[in-house]
Amino acid sequence: MALRIINKQFQQLWQEIPEEFGFTAGPLEDDLLHWQASLLGPADSPYSSGRFFLRLDFTTDFPFKPPKILFQTKIYHPNVTEDGKICADFLTEWKPSFSIGYILQAIQSLLLFPNADNPAAPEVAKEFLDNKVQFEKTAVEWTQSYAVE
């Protein structure tokens, strides 16, 4: 069942997400359970000049359980660990109605609106709350170093 749903969502993905969002996504080597995706950092964020690559690993329990999502591009963000794991409400409060397109848009939204109340990187979250200028400076530097094509 999961493969059928993932395949259907893959076919519908580009109808769900406008092209100007700058997403790419698809299975790795025709394996529907393992995907690579990329997204552009949102305008008006310290990530705006970057393209960020992610890995999405689905289980046969999808859509009843969320995929495991890892940033493959290094990013300075309160909700992303040093090894790329994401801590986000949409994953902890998962609903089977969430589509792959929704996931990608939620990640892009998380880049625009970090949630320091639910951090994956507590030191980065503290800096985001206490010294936003320094946080943004570091986030821009990391984006320039790791996410610019």
C-alpha atoms as a PDB file:
ATOM      1  CA  MET A   1       0.000   0.000   0.000  1.00  0.00           C
ATOM      2  CA  ALA A   2       2.796   2.454   0.886  1.00  0.00           C
ATOM      3  CA  LEU A   3       4.460   2.112  -2.516  1.00  0.00           C
ATOM      4  CA  ARG A   4       1.171   2.779  -4.294  1.00  0.00           C
ATOM      5  CA  ILE A   5       0.543   5.909  -2.200  1.00  0.00           C
ATOM      6  CA  ILE A   6       4.110   7.185  -2.625  1.00  0.00           C
ATOM      7  CA  ASN A   7       3.942   6.629  -6.390  1.00  0.00           C
ATOM      8  CA  LYS A   8       0.604   8.446  -6.601  1.00  0.00           C
ATOM      9  CA  GLN A   9       1.961  11.371  -4.564  1.00  0.00           C
ATOM     10  CA  PHE A  10       5.060  11.483  -6.768  1.00  0.00           C
ATOM     11  CA  GLN A  11       2.826  11.797  -9.839  1.00  0.00           C
ATOM     12  CA  GLN A  12       0.799  14.595  -8.181  1.00  0.00           C
ATOM     13  CA  LEU A  13       3.744  16.407  -6.586  1.00  0.00           C
ATOM     14  CA  TRP A  14       4.268  19.002  -9.287  1.00  0.00           C
ATOM     15  CA  GLN A  15       0.577  19.863  -9.388  1.00  0.00           C
ATOM     16  CA  GLU A  16       0.735  20.526  -5.640  1.00  0.00           C
ATOM     17  CA  ILE A  17       3.874  22.684  -5.563  1.00  0.00           C
ATOM     18  CA  PRO A  18       4.272  25.745  -7.791  1.00  0.00           C
ATOM     19  CA  GLU A  19       7.450  25.697  -9.899  1.00  0.00           C
ATOM     20  CA  GLU A  20       8.678  28.996  -8.443  1.00  0.00           C
ATOM     21  CA  PHE A  21       9.158  27.290  -5.051  1.00  0.00           C
ATOM     22  CA  GLY A  22      12.341  25.786  -6.505  1.00  0.00           C
ATOM     23  CA  PHE A  23      11.842  22.197  -5.352  1.00  0.00           C
ATOM     24  CA  THR A  24      13.213  19.043  -6.883  1.00  0.00           C
ATOM     25  CA  ALA A  25      12.279  15.636  -5.534  1.00  0.00           C
ATOM     26  CA  GLY A  26      12.182  12.057  -6.614  1.00  0.00           C
ATOM     27  CA  PRO A  27      13.152   8.485  -5.919  1.00  0.00           C
ATOM     28  CA  LEU A  28      16.797   7.448  -5.869  1.00  0.00           C
ATOM     29  CA  GLU A  29      17.446   4.929  -8.637  1.00  0.00           C
ATOM     30  CA  ASP A  30      13.746   4.051  -9.009  1.00  0.00           C
ATOM     31  CA  ASP A  31      13.467   3.083  -5.318  1.00  0.00           C
ATOM     32  CA  LEU A  32      10.224   4.691  -4.179  1.00  0.00           C
ATOM     33  CA  LEU A  33      11.135   4.321  -0.487  1.00  0.00           C
ATOM     34  CA  HIS A  34      14.322   6.425  -0.763  1.00  0.00           C
ATOM     35  CA  TRP A  35      14.212   9.925  -2.212  1.00  0.00           C
ATOM     36  CA  GLN A  36      16.467  12.895  -2.689  1.00  0.00           C
ATOM     37  CA  ALA A  37      14.945  16.349  -2.664  1.00  0.00           C
ATOM     38  CA  SER A  38      16.262  19.865  -2.870  1.00  0.00           C
ATOM     39  CA  LEU A  39      14.761  23.216  -2.102  1.00  0.00           C
ATOM     40  CA  LEU A  40      15.777  26.813  -2.424  1.00  0.00           C
ATOM     41  CA  GLY A  41      16.194  28.798   0.745  1.00  0.00           C
ATOM     42  CA  PRO A  42      13.235  31.159   1.085  1.00  0.00           C
ATOM     43  CA  ALA A  43      13.623  34.830   0.211  1.00  0.00           C
ATOM     44  CA  ASP A  44      13.995  37.131   3.209  1.00  0.00           C
ATOM     45  CA  SER A  45      15.836  34.466   5.189  1.00  0.00           C
ATOM     46  CA  PRO A  46      19.531  33.846   5.859  1.00  0.00           C
ATOM     47  CA  TYR A  47      19.179  30.802   3.582  1.00  0.00           C
ATOM     48  CA  SER A  48      17.942  32.741   0.521  1.00  0.00           C
ATOM     49  CA  SER A  49      20.981  32.203  -1.677  1.00  0.00           C
ATOM     50  CA  GLY A  50      21.237  28.468  -1.082  1.00  0.00           C
ATOM     51  CA  ARG A  51      19.975  25.176  -2.443  1.00  0.00           C
ATOM     52  CA  PHE A  52      19.591  22.555   0.268  1.00  0.00           C
ATOM     53  CA  PHE A  53      19.584  18.825  -0.409  1.00  0.00           C
ATOM     54  CA  LEU A  54      17.604  16.401   1.711  1.00  0.00           C
ATOM     55  CA  ARG A  55      17.159  12.664   1.923  1.00  0.00           C
ATOM     56  CA  LEU A  56      13.694  11.251   2.589  1.00  0.00           C
ATOM     57  CA  ASP A  57      13.438   7.622   3.660  1.00  0.00           C
ATOM     58  CA  PHE A  58       9.926   6.210   3.721  1.00  0.00           C
ATOM     59  CA  THR A  59       8.860   3.001   5.429  1.00  0.00           C
ATOM     60  CA  THR A  60       6.176   0.600   4.345  1.00  0.00           C
ATOM     61  CA  ASP A  61       4.046   2.233   7.078  1.00  0.00           C
ATOM     62  CA  PHE A  62       3.778   5.489   5.085  1.00  0.00           C
ATOM     63  CA  PRO A  63       1.493   7.481   5.231  1.00  0.00           C
ATOM     64  CA  PHE A  64       0.713   6.352   8.767  1.00  0.00           C
ATOM     65  CA  LYS A  65       4.280   7.120   9.880  1.00  0.00           C
ATOM     66  CA  PRO A  66       6.387  10.029   8.625  1.00  0.00           C
ATOM     67  CA  PRO A  67       9.491   9.545   6.536  1.00  0.00           C
ATOM     68  CA  LYS A  68      12.899   9.992   8.102  1.00  0.00           C
ATOM     69  CA  ILE A  69      14.252  13.270   6.732  1.00  0.00           C
ATOM     70  CA  LEU A  70      17.884  14.371   6.787  1.00  0.00           C
ATOM     71  CA  PHE A  71      19.466  17.541   5.501  1.00  0.00           C
ATOM     72  CA  GLN A  72      22.394  16.425   3.365  1.00  0.00           C
ATOM     73  CA  THR A  73      23.534  20.026   3.057  1.00  0.00           C
ATOM     74  CA  LYS A  74      25.027  21.447   6.222  1.00  0.00           C
ATOM     75  CA  ILE A  75      22.753  24.143   7.664  1.00  0.00           C
ATOM     76  CA  TYR A  76      22.895  26.425  10.710  1.00  0.00           C
ATOM     77  CA  HIS A  77      19.361  26.179  12.061  1.00  0.00           C
ATOM     78  CA  PRO A  78      17.755  25.684  15.506  1.00  0.00           C
ATOM     79  CA  ASN A  79      15.639  22.760  14.275  1.00  0.00           C
ATOM     80  CA  VAL A  80      18.383  20.792  12.509  1.00  0.00           C
ATOM     81  CA  THR A  81      21.089  18.760  14.249  1.00  0.00           C
ATOM     82  CA  GLU A  82      24.711  18.797  13.181  1.00  0.00           C
ATOM     83  CA  ASP A  83      24.150  15.485  11.376  1.00  0.00           C
ATOM     84  CA  GLY A  84      21.070  16.806   9.536  1.00  0.00           C
ATOM     85  CA  LYS A  85      18.155  15.435  11.573  1.00  0.00           C
ATOM     86  CA  ILE A  86      15.081  17.663  11.693  1.00  0.00           C
ATOM     87  CA  CYS A  87      13.036  18.383  14.799  1.00  0.00           C
ATOM     88  CA  ALA A  88       9.723  19.828  13.640  1.00  0.00           C
ATOM     89  CA  ASP A  89       6.116  19.860  14.776  1.00  0.00           C
ATOM     90  CA  PHE A  90       4.862  18.404  11.497  1.00  0.00           C
ATOM     91  CA  LEU A  91       6.944  15.263  12.166  1.00  0.00           C
ATOM     92  CA  THR A  92       6.051  14.851  15.845  1.00  0.00           C
ATOM     93  CA  GLU A  93       2.383  15.630  15.176  1.00  0.00           C
ATOM     94  CA  TRP A  94       2.243  13.558  12.003  1.00  0.00           C
ATOM     95  CA  LYS A  95      -1.060  12.938  10.221  1.00  0.00           C
ATOM     96  CA  PRO A  96      -1.564  10.435   7.392  1.00  0.00           C
ATOM     97  CA  SER A  97      -3.119  13.238   5.343  1.00  0.00           C
ATOM     98  CA  PHE A  98       0.274  14.988   5.084  1.00  0.00           C
ATOM     99  CA  SER A  99       1.591  14.576   1.549  1.00  0.00           C
ATOM    100  CA  ILE A 100       5.138  14.651   0.244  1.00  0.00           C
ATOM    101  CA  GLY A 101       4.417  18.096  -1.168  1.00  0.00           C
ATOM    102  CA  TYR A 102       3.239  19.229   2.248  1.00  0.00           C
ATOM    103  CA  ILE A 103       6.480  17.905   3.794  1.00  0.00           C
ATOM    104  CA  LEU A 104       8.652  19.885   1.374  1.00  0.00           C
ATOM    105  CA  GLN A 105       6.653  23.063   1.895  1.00  0.00           C
ATOM    106  CA  ALA A 106       6.768  22.586   5.689  1.00  0.00           C
ATOM    107  CA  ILE A 107      10.565  22.271   5.569  1.00  0.00           C
ATOM    108  CA  GLN A 108      10.859  25.435   3.508  1.00  0.00           C
ATOM    109  CA  SER A 109       8.541  27.191   5.965  1.00  0.00           C
ATOM    110  CA  LEU A 110      10.716  25.981   8.846  1.00  0.00           C
ATOM    111  CA  LEU A 111      13.674  27.732   7.203  1.00  0.00           C
ATOM    112  CA  LEU A 112      11.700  30.961   7.166  1.00  0.00           C
ATOM    113  CA  PHE A 113      10.234  30.555  10.658  1.00  0.00           C
ATOM    114  CA  PRO A 114      12.552  28.573  12.966  1.00  0.00           C
ATOM    115  CA  ASN A 115      10.945  27.155  16.106  1.00  0.00           C
ATOM    116  CA  ALA A 116      13.372  27.796  18.959  1.00  0.00           C
ATOM    117  CA  ASP A 117      10.856  26.311  21.434  1.00  0.00           C
ATOM    118  CA  ASN A 118      11.415  22.847  19.938  1.00  0.00           C
ATOM    119  CA  PRO A 119      15.126  22.876  19.076  1.00  0.00           C
ATOM    120  CA  ALA A 120      17.285  20.119  17.665  1.00  0.00           C
ATOM    121  CA  ALA A 121      20.351  22.314  18.212  1.00  0.00           C
ATOM    122  CA  PRO A 122      19.923  24.027  21.623  1.00  0.00           C
ATOM    123  CA  GLU A 123      22.990  26.293  21.259  1.00  0.00           C
ATOM    124  CA  VAL A 124      21.776  27.543  17.889  1.00  0.00           C
ATOM    125  CA  ALA A 125      18.276  28.083  19.324  1.00  0.00           C
ATOM    126  CA  LYS A 126      19.732  30.085  22.227  1.00  0.00           C
ATOM    127  CA  GLU A 127      21.650  32.279  19.809  1.00  0.00           C
ATOM    128  CA  PHE A 128      18.517  32.690  17.656  1.00  0.00           C
ATOM    129  CA  LEU A 129      16.624  33.948  20.730  1.00  0.00           C
ATOM    130  CA  ASP A 130      19.395  35.951  22.422  1.00  0.00           C
ATOM    131  CA  ASN A 131      21.441  37.336  19.527  1.00  0.00           C
ATOM    132  CA  LYS A 132      19.502  37.173  16.274  1.00  0.00           C
ATOM    133  CA  VAL A 133      22.012  39.347  14.406  1.00  0.00           C
ATOM    134  CA  GLN A 134      24.826  36.890  15.132  1.00  0.00           C
ATOM    135  CA  PHE A 135      22.563  33.931  14.350  1.00  0.00           C
ATOM    136  CA  GLU A 136      21.677  35.373  10.943  1.00  0.00           C
ATOM    137  CA  LYS A 137      25.320  36.212  10.214  1.00  0.00           C
ATOM    138  CA  THR A 138      26.400  32.636  10.943  1.00  0.00           C
ATOM    139  CA  ALA A 139      23.460  31.171   9.005  1.00  0.00           C
ATOM    140  CA  VAL A 140      24.373  33.291   5.957  1.00  0.00           C
ATOM    141  CA  GLU A 141      28.036  32.223   6.244  1.00  0.00           C
ATOM    142  CA  TRP A 142      27.066  28.538   6.386  1.00  0.00           C
ATOM    143  CA  THR A 143      24.677  28.994   3.472  1.00  0.00           C
ATOM    144  CA  GLN A 144      27.450  30.610   1.419  1.00  0.00           C
ATOM    145  CA  SER A 145      29.911  27.872   2.390  1.00  0.00           C
ATOM    146  CA  TYR A 146      27.732  24.793   1.993  1.00  0.00           C
ATOM    147  CA  ALA A 147      24.588  25.564  -0.021  1.00  0.00           C
ATOM    148  CA  VAL A 148      25.536  27.862  -2.888  1.00  0.00           C
ATOM    149  CA  GLU A 149      25.632  26.145  -6.267  1.00  0.00           C
END
